[in-house]
Amino acid sequence: MKIVMAPIEMIAWFDIPGMPRAIRFRHDGNVVKVEMIIRMSEEKLAGNRMKVYECQSEIHGQMRQFQLKYELNTCKWFLYKI
């Protein structure tokens, strides 16, 4: 996978404890539906707490894995790895 760390527009829902779940996002004009979240974890990057999502979706007819990051302090989403 290649590191991209690009900001994205995200549609997500939050459960009762406040955990965000990714639904779909837009990157470079393409809308990608998050079909499966394989793993969720939390990390600190430069002192900022981030939720890390290992996901899988069908992109251009192929199943691809990618990583999304959600920065808790600023509420921003990033496409981290493709």
C-alpha atoms as a PDB file:
ATOM      1  CA  MET A   1       0.000   0.000   0.000  1.00  0.00           C
ATOM      2  CA  LYS A   2       1.096   3.538  -0.773  1.00  0.00           C
ATOM      3  CA  ILE A   3       0.925   6.332   1.839  1.00  0.00           C
ATOM      4  CA  VAL A   4      -1.243   9.216   0.635  1.00  0.00           C
ATOM      5  CA  MET A   5      -2.458  11.100   3.800  1.00  0.00           C
ATOM      6  CA  ALA A   6      -5.005  13.137   1.803  1.00  0.00           C
ATOM      7  CA  PRO A   7      -7.955  14.918   3.464  1.00  0.00           C
ATOM      8  CA  ILE A   8     -11.314  13.519   2.336  1.00  0.00           C
ATOM      9  CA  GLU A   9     -15.020  14.302   2.613  1.00  0.00           C
ATOM     10  CA  MET A  10     -16.688  11.576   4.704  1.00  0.00           C
ATOM     11  CA  ILE A  11     -20.189  10.403   5.508  1.00  0.00           C
ATOM     12  CA  ALA A  12     -20.150   8.562   8.837  1.00  0.00           C
ATOM     13  CA  TRP A  13     -22.503   7.619  11.648  1.00  0.00           C
ATOM     14  CA  PHE A  14     -21.741   7.639  15.350  1.00  0.00           C
ATOM     15  CA  ASP A  15     -22.969   5.010  17.802  1.00  0.00           C
ATOM     16  CA  ILE A  16     -24.184   5.855  21.326  1.00  0.00           C
ATOM     17  CA  PRO A  17     -20.692   5.861  22.961  1.00  0.00           C
ATOM     18  CA  GLY A  18     -19.531   8.203  20.164  1.00  0.00           C
ATOM     19  CA  MET A  19     -17.454   5.820  18.012  1.00  0.00           C
ATOM     20  CA  PRO A  20     -17.490   6.973  14.346  1.00  0.00           C
ATOM     21  CA  ARG A  21     -18.191   4.408  11.588  1.00  0.00           C
ATOM     22  CA  ALA A  22     -17.230   5.247   8.010  1.00  0.00           C
ATOM     23  CA  ILE A  23     -19.990   4.838   5.389  1.00  0.00           C
ATOM     24  CA  ARG A  24     -18.583   6.435   2.206  1.00  0.00           C
ATOM     25  CA  PHE A  25     -16.100   9.105   1.191  1.00  0.00           C
ATOM     26  CA  ARG A  26     -15.065  11.286  -1.740  1.00  0.00           C
ATOM     27  CA  HIS A  27     -11.454  11.412  -2.972  1.00  0.00           C
ATOM     28  CA  ASP A  28     -10.386  13.082  -6.235  1.00  0.00           C
ATOM     29  CA  GLY A  29     -14.012  13.363  -7.340  1.00  0.00           C
ATOM     30  CA  ASN A  30     -14.687   9.622  -6.888  1.00  0.00           C
ATOM     31  CA  VAL A  31     -17.175   8.368  -4.302  1.00  0.00           C
ATOM     32  CA  VAL A  32     -16.127   5.141  -2.555  1.00  0.00           C
ATOM     33  CA  LYS A  33     -18.528   3.121  -0.403  1.00  0.00           C
ATOM     34  CA  VAL A  34     -16.817   1.477   2.591  1.00  0.00           C
ATOM     35  CA  GLU A  35     -18.036  -2.105   2.249  1.00  0.00           C
ATOM     36  CA  MET A  36     -16.178  -3.685   5.165  1.00  0.00           C
ATOM     37  CA  ILE A  37     -14.233  -2.397   8.173  1.00  0.00           C
ATOM     38  CA  ILE A  38     -11.667  -5.093   8.879  1.00  0.00           C
ATOM     39  CA  ARG A  39     -10.061  -3.599  11.996  1.00  0.00           C
ATOM     40  CA  MET A  40     -10.259  -0.445  14.117  1.00  0.00           C
ATOM     41  CA  SER A  41      -7.515   0.822  16.403  1.00  0.00           C
ATOM     42  CA  GLU A  42      -6.310   4.015  18.020  1.00  0.00           C
ATOM     43  CA  GLU A  43      -2.884   5.661  17.754  1.00  0.00           C
ATOM     44  CA  LYS A  44      -1.110   8.905  18.571  1.00  0.00           C
ATOM     45  CA  LEU A  45       0.504  10.722  15.651  1.00  0.00           C
ATOM     46  CA  ALA A  46       2.519  13.833  16.592  1.00  0.00           C
ATOM     47  CA  GLY A  47       0.573  14.026  19.855  1.00  0.00           C
ATOM     48  CA  ASN A  48      -2.847  13.851  18.119  1.00  0.00           C
ATOM     49  CA  ARG A  49      -5.146  10.941  18.940  1.00  0.00           C
ATOM     50  CA  MET A  50      -6.416   9.215  15.785  1.00  0.00           C
ATOM     51  CA  LYS A  51      -8.768   6.342  15.053  1.00  0.00           C
ATOM     52  CA  VAL A  52      -7.364   4.048  12.351  1.00  0.00           C
ATOM     53  CA  TYR A  53      -9.720   2.026  10.131  1.00  0.00           C
ATOM     54  CA  GLU A  54      -8.487  -0.848   7.949  1.00  0.00           C
ATOM     55  CA  CYS A  55     -11.169  -1.104   5.246  1.00  0.00           C
ATOM     56  CA  GLN A  56     -12.003  -2.993   2.086  1.00  0.00           C
ATOM     57  CA  SER A  57     -14.131  -1.939  -0.888  1.00  0.00           C
ATOM     58  CA  GLU A  58     -14.632  -2.640  -4.548  1.00  0.00           C
ATOM     59  CA  ILE A  59     -12.902   0.127  -6.525  1.00  0.00           C
ATOM     60  CA  HIS A  60     -13.015   0.021 -10.349  1.00  0.00           C
ATOM     61  CA  GLY A  61     -14.105  -3.631 -10.279  1.00  0.00           C
ATOM     62  CA  GLN A  62     -11.362  -4.852  -7.893  1.00  0.00           C
ATOM     63  CA  MET A  63     -11.464  -5.499  -4.137  1.00  0.00           C
ATOM     64  CA  ARG A  64      -8.937  -3.087  -2.598  1.00  0.00           C
ATOM     65  CA  GLN A  65      -7.787  -2.533   0.968  1.00  0.00           C
ATOM     66  CA  PHE A  66      -7.111   0.946   2.312  1.00  0.00           C
ATOM     67  CA  GLN A  67      -6.641   2.803   5.590  1.00  0.00           C
ATOM     68  CA  LEU A  68      -8.686   5.731   6.846  1.00  0.00           C
ATOM     69  CA  LYS A  69      -7.746   7.942   9.793  1.00  0.00           C
ATOM     70  CA  TYR A  70     -10.039  10.111  11.904  1.00  0.00           C
ATOM     71  CA  GLU A  71      -8.354  12.863  13.935  1.00  0.00           C
ATOM     72  CA  LEU A  72     -10.276  13.186  17.208  1.00  0.00           C
ATOM     73  CA  ASN A  73      -9.203  16.765  18.106  1.00  0.00           C
ATOM     74  CA  THR A  74     -10.116  18.366  14.760  1.00  0.00           C
ATOM     75  CA  CYS A  75     -12.793  15.863  13.563  1.00  0.00           C
ATOM     76  CA  LYS A  76     -11.038  15.521  10.172  1.00  0.00           C
ATOM     77  CA  TRP A  77     -10.885  12.378   8.034  1.00  0.00           C
ATOM     78  CA  PHE A  78      -7.861  11.306   5.971  1.00  0.00           C
ATOM     79  CA  LEU A  79      -7.232   8.626   3.373  1.00  0.00           C
ATOM     80  CA  TYR A  80      -3.945   7.347   4.763  1.00  0.00           C
ATOM     81  CA  LYS A  81      -2.984   4.323   2.644  1.00  0.00           C
ATOM     82  CA  ILE A  82      -4.230   3.025  -0.679  1.00  0.00           C
END
